[in-house]
Amino acid sequence: MSNYDNNIIPQLNIELSLELPEKLSMTELEEQLTQHINQLINTDFEKLVYYLYRIDVNEAKMKQLLQQQQGENAAQLLARLIIDRQLQKIKSRAEHKSNTADDDSAERW
């Protein structure tokens, strides 16, 4: 796992109300997330929609992917989108934090 990947499981646990172990490979993470999404599809679709909105999964990208890959496991496709979005957010936060630190040192001059 890369530096960004280390933060994804705690973030997913918070945003999806999960209790995933903190030491999972990306494959294991995708499998467990897929199982959780399948459960939500079958028992509480409204909550799944809420989570997708909360995580800010791109709706147009999601629809396009689901249409292009009909017959594929929809929960697995959604799990990949969620993981990708979380990694984007973590990377963006790290870059912003780095830029802020650079700005602070320049102001101290």
N, C-alpha and C. Protein backbone atom coordinates (compact mmCIF):
# COMPACT_ATOMS: atom_id res chain seq x y z
N MET A 1 0.85 -1.18 0.00
CA MET A 1 0.00 0.00 0.00
C MET A 1 0.89 1.24 0.00
N SER A 2 0.45 2.24 -0.72
CA SER A 2 1.20 3.50 -0.76
C SER A 2 0.88 4.33 0.48
N ASN A 3 1.53 5.47 0.59
CA ASN A 3 1.27 6.37 1.72
C ASN A 3 -0.19 6.77 1.78
N TYR A 4 -0.79 7.01 0.62
CA TYR A 4 -2.19 7.44 0.58
C TYR A 4 -3.12 6.31 1.01
N ASP A 5 -2.75 5.08 0.62
CA ASP A 5 -3.59 3.93 0.91
C ASP A 5 -3.71 3.66 2.41
N ASN A 6 -2.69 4.03 3.18
CA ASN A 6 -2.70 3.76 4.62
C ASN A 6 -3.87 4.44 5.33
N ASN A 7 -4.36 5.52 4.79
CA ASN A 7 -5.43 6.28 5.43
C ASN A 7 -6.82 5.88 4.96
N ILE A 8 -6.91 5.04 3.95
CA ILE A 8 -8.21 4.78 3.34
C ILE A 8 -9.13 3.97 4.25
N ILE A 9 -8.62 2.98 4.94
CA ILE A 9 -9.49 2.12 5.75
C ILE A 9 -10.10 2.88 6.92
N PRO A 10 -9.32 3.64 7.69
CA PRO A 10 -9.97 4.42 8.75
C PRO A 10 -11.02 5.39 8.20
N GLN A 11 -10.73 5.99 7.05
CA GLN A 11 -11.68 6.93 6.45
C GLN A 11 -12.96 6.22 6.02
N LEU A 12 -12.82 5.05 5.40
CA LEU A 12 -14.00 4.28 5.00
C LEU A 12 -14.79 3.82 6.23
N ASN A 13 -14.10 3.42 7.28
CA ASN A 13 -14.79 3.01 8.50
C ASN A 13 -15.66 4.13 9.04
N ILE A 14 -15.16 5.36 8.97
CA ILE A 14 -15.93 6.51 9.44
C ILE A 14 -17.09 6.81 8.51
N GLU A 15 -16.79 6.94 7.22
CA GLU A 15 -17.81 7.40 6.28
C GLU A 15 -18.87 6.36 5.97
N LEU A 16 -18.55 5.08 6.10
CA LEU A 16 -19.52 4.03 5.80
C LEU A 16 -19.99 3.28 7.05
N SER A 17 -19.63 3.77 8.21
CA SER A 17 -19.99 3.12 9.48
C SER A 17 -19.61 1.64 9.48
N LEU A 18 -18.36 1.38 9.10
CA LEU A 18 -17.85 0.01 9.04
C LEU A 18 -16.86 -0.23 10.16
N GLU A 19 -16.47 -1.48 10.31
CA GLU A 19 -15.43 -1.86 11.25
C GLU A 19 -14.43 -2.77 10.55
N LEU A 20 -13.86 -2.26 9.46
CA LEU A 20 -12.88 -3.04 8.71
C LEU A 20 -11.56 -3.07 9.47
N PRO A 21 -10.85 -4.21 9.43
CA PRO A 21 -9.51 -4.24 10.04
C PRO A 21 -8.59 -3.26 9.30
N GLU A 22 -7.69 -2.65 10.02
CA GLU A 22 -6.85 -1.62 9.41
C GLU A 22 -5.77 -2.18 8.50
N LYS A 23 -5.47 -3.45 8.60
CA LYS A 23 -4.44 -4.07 7.76
C LYS A 23 -5.11 -4.98 6.73
N LEU A 24 -5.47 -4.42 5.60
CA LEU A 24 -6.03 -5.18 4.49
C LEU A 24 -5.28 -4.81 3.22
N SER A 25 -5.13 -5.77 2.33
CA SER A 25 -4.60 -5.44 1.01
C SER A 25 -5.71 -4.72 0.24
N MET A 26 -5.36 -4.09 -0.85
CA MET A 26 -6.39 -3.41 -1.65
C MET A 26 -7.41 -4.42 -2.18
N THR A 27 -6.95 -5.62 -2.51
CA THR A 27 -7.86 -6.67 -2.99
C THR A 27 -8.83 -7.08 -1.89
N GLU A 28 -8.31 -7.28 -0.68
CA GLU A 28 -9.17 -7.64 0.45
C GLU A 28 -10.14 -6.52 0.78
N LEU A 29 -9.66 -5.29 0.70
CA LEU A 29 -10.52 -4.14 0.96
C LEU A 29 -11.66 -4.11 -0.05
N GLU A 30 -11.33 -4.29 -1.32
CA GLU A 30 -12.36 -4.29 -2.36
C GLU A 30 -13.37 -5.40 -2.13
N GLU A 31 -12.89 -6.59 -1.75
CA GLU A 31 -13.80 -7.72 -1.50
C GLU A 31 -14.75 -7.43 -0.34
N GLN A 32 -14.22 -6.91 0.76
CA GLN A 32 -15.06 -6.64 1.92
C GLN A 32 -16.04 -5.50 1.64
N LEU A 33 -15.57 -4.50 0.93
CA LEU A 33 -16.44 -3.38 0.57
C LEU A 33 -17.54 -3.85 -0.38
N THR A 34 -17.19 -4.73 -1.32
CA THR A 34 -18.17 -5.29 -2.25
C THR A 34 -19.26 -6.04 -1.48
N GLN A 35 -18.87 -6.84 -0.49
CA GLN A 35 -19.85 -7.57 0.32
C GLN A 35 -20.78 -6.61 1.05
N HIS A 36 -20.21 -5.55 1.60
CA HIS A 36 -21.02 -4.57 2.32
C HIS A 36 -22.00 -3.88 1.37
N ILE A 37 -21.53 -3.53 0.19
CA ILE A 37 -22.40 -2.86 -0.79
C ILE A 37 -23.50 -3.80 -1.25
N ASN A 38 -23.17 -5.07 -1.48
CA ASN A 38 -24.20 -6.05 -1.86
C ASN A 38 -25.27 -6.13 -0.78
N GLN A 39 -24.85 -6.14 0.47
CA GLN A 39 -25.82 -6.17 1.57
C GLN A 39 -26.71 -4.94 1.53
N LEU A 40 -26.12 -3.77 1.30
CA LEU A 40 -26.91 -2.54 1.23
C LEU A 40 -27.86 -2.55 0.04
N ILE A 41 -27.41 -3.07 -1.09
CA ILE A 41 -28.28 -3.15 -2.27
C ILE A 41 -29.52 -3.98 -1.93
N ASN A 42 -29.31 -5.07 -1.21
CA ASN A 42 -30.41 -5.98 -0.89
C ASN A 42 -31.28 -5.55 0.29
N THR A 43 -30.71 -4.79 1.23
CA THR A 43 -31.46 -4.50 2.45
C THR A 43 -31.75 -3.02 2.70
N ASP A 44 -30.89 -2.14 2.21
CA ASP A 44 -31.07 -0.71 2.51
C ASP A 44 -30.47 0.15 1.40
N PHE A 45 -31.11 0.10 0.24
CA PHE A 45 -30.60 0.81 -0.93
C PHE A 45 -30.51 2.32 -0.68
N GLU A 46 -31.45 2.83 0.09
CA GLU A 46 -31.45 4.26 0.40
C GLU A 46 -30.17 4.67 1.15
N LYS A 47 -29.73 3.82 2.05
CA LYS A 47 -28.50 4.10 2.79
C LYS A 47 -27.30 4.07 1.84
N LEU A 48 -27.29 3.15 0.89
CA LEU A 48 -26.21 3.09 -0.10
C LEU A 48 -26.14 4.39 -0.89
N VAL A 49 -27.29 4.87 -1.33
CA VAL A 49 -27.34 6.13 -2.08
C VAL A 49 -26.80 7.27 -1.22
N TYR A 50 -27.18 7.28 0.05
CA TYR A 50 -26.68 8.30 0.98
C TYR A 50 -25.16 8.23 1.09
N TYR A 51 -24.61 7.03 1.24
CA TYR A 51 -23.16 6.88 1.34
C TYR A 51 -22.46 7.35 0.07
N LEU A 52 -23.00 7.00 -1.08
CA LEU A 52 -22.39 7.43 -2.34
C LEU A 52 -22.39 8.95 -2.44
N TYR A 53 -23.47 9.57 -2.00
CA TYR A 53 -23.55 11.03 -1.99
C TYR A 53 -22.55 11.62 -0.99
N ARG A 54 -22.49 11.03 0.19
CA ARG A 54 -21.60 11.53 1.25
C ARG A 54 -20.13 11.44 0.84
N ILE A 55 -19.77 10.35 0.18
CA ILE A 55 -18.39 10.16 -0.27
C ILE A 55 -18.10 11.00 -1.50
N ASP A 56 -19.16 11.44 -2.17
CA ASP A 56 -19.03 12.29 -3.35
C ASP A 56 -18.55 11.51 -4.57
N VAL A 57 -19.14 10.32 -4.76
CA VAL A 57 -18.86 9.54 -5.96
C VAL A 57 -19.54 10.25 -7.12
N ASN A 58 -18.81 10.45 -8.21
CA ASN A 58 -19.32 11.16 -9.37
C ASN A 58 -20.48 10.36 -9.98
N GLU A 59 -21.67 10.95 -9.95
CA GLU A 59 -22.88 10.26 -10.41
C GLU A 59 -22.82 9.92 -11.89
N ALA A 60 -22.34 10.85 -12.71
CA ALA A 60 -22.25 10.62 -14.15
C ALA A 60 -21.27 9.49 -14.45
N LYS A 61 -20.14 9.49 -13.76
CA LYS A 61 -19.13 8.44 -13.94
C LYS A 61 -19.70 7.09 -13.51
N MET A 62 -20.45 7.08 -12.40
CA MET A 62 -21.04 5.86 -11.90
C MET A 62 -22.05 5.29 -12.91
N LYS A 63 -22.94 6.15 -13.41
CA LYS A 63 -23.95 5.69 -14.37
C LYS A 63 -23.29 5.15 -15.63
N GLN A 64 -22.28 5.87 -16.12
CA GLN A 64 -21.59 5.46 -17.34
C GLN A 64 -20.92 4.09 -17.13
N LEU A 65 -20.25 3.93 -16.02
CA LEU A 65 -19.56 2.67 -15.73
C LEU A 65 -20.55 1.51 -15.62
N LEU A 66 -21.66 1.74 -14.93
CA LEU A 66 -22.66 0.68 -14.77
C LEU A 66 -23.30 0.31 -16.11
N GLN A 67 -23.51 1.31 -16.98
CA GLN A 67 -24.07 1.03 -18.31
C GLN A 67 -23.08 0.31 -19.20
N GLN A 68 -21.82 0.73 -19.16
CA GLN A 68 -20.80 0.12 -20.01
C GLN A 68 -20.49 -1.31 -19.60
N GLN A 69 -20.64 -1.61 -18.34
CA GLN A 69 -20.25 -2.92 -17.84
C GLN A 69 -21.45 -3.69 -17.29
N GLN A 70 -22.54 -3.65 -18.06
CA GLN A 70 -23.73 -4.39 -17.66
C GLN A 70 -23.39 -5.87 -17.58
N GLY A 71 -23.95 -6.53 -16.61
CA GLY A 71 -23.66 -7.94 -16.41
C GLY A 71 -22.52 -8.17 -15.43
N GLU A 72 -21.75 -7.12 -15.17
CA GLU A 72 -20.68 -7.20 -14.17
C GLU A 72 -21.30 -7.04 -12.77
N ASN A 73 -20.54 -7.35 -11.77
CA ASN A 73 -20.99 -7.21 -10.39
C ASN A 73 -21.07 -5.73 -10.05
N ALA A 74 -22.27 -5.19 -9.94
CA ALA A 74 -22.47 -3.76 -9.69
C ALA A 74 -21.85 -3.34 -8.36
N ALA A 75 -21.95 -4.19 -7.36
CA ALA A 75 -21.37 -3.85 -6.05
C ALA A 75 -19.86 -3.72 -6.14
N GLN A 76 -19.24 -4.58 -6.93
CA GLN A 76 -17.78 -4.49 -7.10
C GLN A 76 -17.39 -3.22 -7.85
N LEU A 77 -18.17 -2.86 -8.86
CA LEU A 77 -17.91 -1.61 -9.59
C LEU A 77 -18.04 -0.41 -8.65
N LEU A 78 -19.07 -0.42 -7.82
CA LEU A 78 -19.26 0.68 -6.86
C LEU A 78 -18.14 0.70 -5.83
N ALA A 79 -17.70 -0.47 -5.39
CA ALA A 79 -16.60 -0.53 -4.43
C ALA A 79 -15.35 0.11 -5.02
N ARG A 80 -15.07 -0.18 -6.28
CA ARG A 80 -13.89 0.42 -6.93
C ARG A 80 -14.03 1.93 -7.03
N LEU A 81 -15.23 2.40 -7.37
CA LEU A 81 -15.45 3.84 -7.46
C LEU A 81 -15.26 4.51 -6.09
N ILE A 82 -15.77 3.88 -5.05
CA ILE A 82 -15.63 4.43 -3.69
C ILE A 82 -14.15 4.47 -3.30
N ILE A 83 -13.43 3.40 -3.54
CA ILE A 83 -12.01 3.37 -3.21
C ILE A 83 -11.25 4.44 -3.99
N ASP A 84 -11.52 4.53 -5.29
CA ASP A 84 -10.86 5.55 -6.11
C ASP A 84 -11.14 6.95 -5.60
N ARG A 85 -12.39 7.22 -5.23
CA ARG A 85 -12.75 8.55 -4.75
C ARG A 85 -12.07 8.85 -3.41
N GLN A 86 -12.04 7.87 -2.53
CA GLN A 86 -11.38 8.09 -1.25
C GLN A 86 -9.89 8.36 -1.43
N LEU A 87 -9.25 7.63 -2.35
CA LEU A 87 -7.83 7.86 -2.61
C LEU A 87 -7.60 9.25 -3.18
N GLN A 88 -8.51 9.71 -4.06
CA GLN A 88 -8.40 11.07 -4.61
C GLN A 88 -8.48 12.10 -3.48
N LYS A 89 -9.42 11.91 -2.57
CA LYS A 89 -9.60 12.86 -1.47
C LYS A 89 -8.38 12.87 -0.54
N ILE A 90 -7.84 11.70 -0.25
CA ILE A 90 -6.67 11.61 0.61
C ILE A 90 -5.47 12.29 -0.05
N LYS A 91 -5.28 12.03 -1.34
CA LYS A 91 -4.18 12.65 -2.07
C LYS A 91 -4.34 14.17 -2.11
N SER A 92 -5.54 14.63 -2.36
CA SER A 92 -5.80 16.07 -2.42
C SER A 92 -5.52 16.73 -1.07
N ARG A 93 -5.95 16.09 0.00
CA ARG A 93 -5.70 16.65 1.34
C ARG A 93 -4.20 16.72 1.63
N ALA A 94 -3.47 15.68 1.23
CA ALA A 94 -2.03 15.66 1.47
C ALA A 94 -1.34 16.76 0.67
N GLU A 95 -1.76 16.96 -0.57
CA GLU A 95 -1.17 18.01 -1.40
C GLU A 95 -1.51 19.38 -0.84
N HIS A 96 -2.74 19.55 -0.41
CA HIS A 96 -3.15 20.84 0.15
C HIS A 96 -2.38 21.12 1.44
N LYS A 97 -2.22 20.10 2.26
CA LYS A 97 -1.48 20.25 3.51
C LYS A 97 -0.04 20.64 3.22
N SER A 98 0.55 20.02 2.21
CA SER A 98 1.92 20.33 1.82
C SER A 98 2.04 21.76 1.33
N ASN A 99 1.07 22.19 0.51
CA ASN A 99 1.08 23.56 0.00
C ASN A 99 0.90 24.56 1.13
N THR A 100 0.06 24.24 2.09
CA THR A 100 -0.18 25.12 3.23
C THR A 100 1.10 25.26 4.05
N ALA A 101 1.82 24.17 4.25
CA ALA A 101 3.07 24.22 5.00
C ALA A 101 4.10 25.09 4.28
N ASP A 102 4.15 25.00 2.95
CA ASP A 102 5.06 25.84 2.17
C ASP A 102 4.69 27.31 2.31
N ASP A 103 3.40 27.60 2.27
CA ASP A 103 2.92 28.98 2.40
C ASP A 103 3.26 29.54 3.78
N ASP A 104 3.11 28.72 4.82
CA ASP A 104 3.40 29.17 6.18
C ASP A 104 4.87 29.54 6.34
N SER A 105 5.76 28.74 5.76
CA SER A 105 7.18 29.04 5.90
C SER A 105 7.55 30.29 5.12
N ALA A 106 6.89 30.54 4.01
CA ALA A 106 7.16 31.75 3.23
C ALA A 106 6.71 32.99 4.00
N GLU A 107 5.61 32.88 4.73
CA GLU A 107 5.10 34.02 5.49
C GLU A 107 6.00 34.35 6.68
N ARG A 108 6.69 33.35 7.21
CA ARG A 108 7.57 33.58 8.35
C ARG A 108 8.79 34.40 7.96
N TRP A 109 9.12 34.41 6.73
CA TRP A 109 10.27 35.15 6.24
C TRP A 109 10.22 36.51 6.80
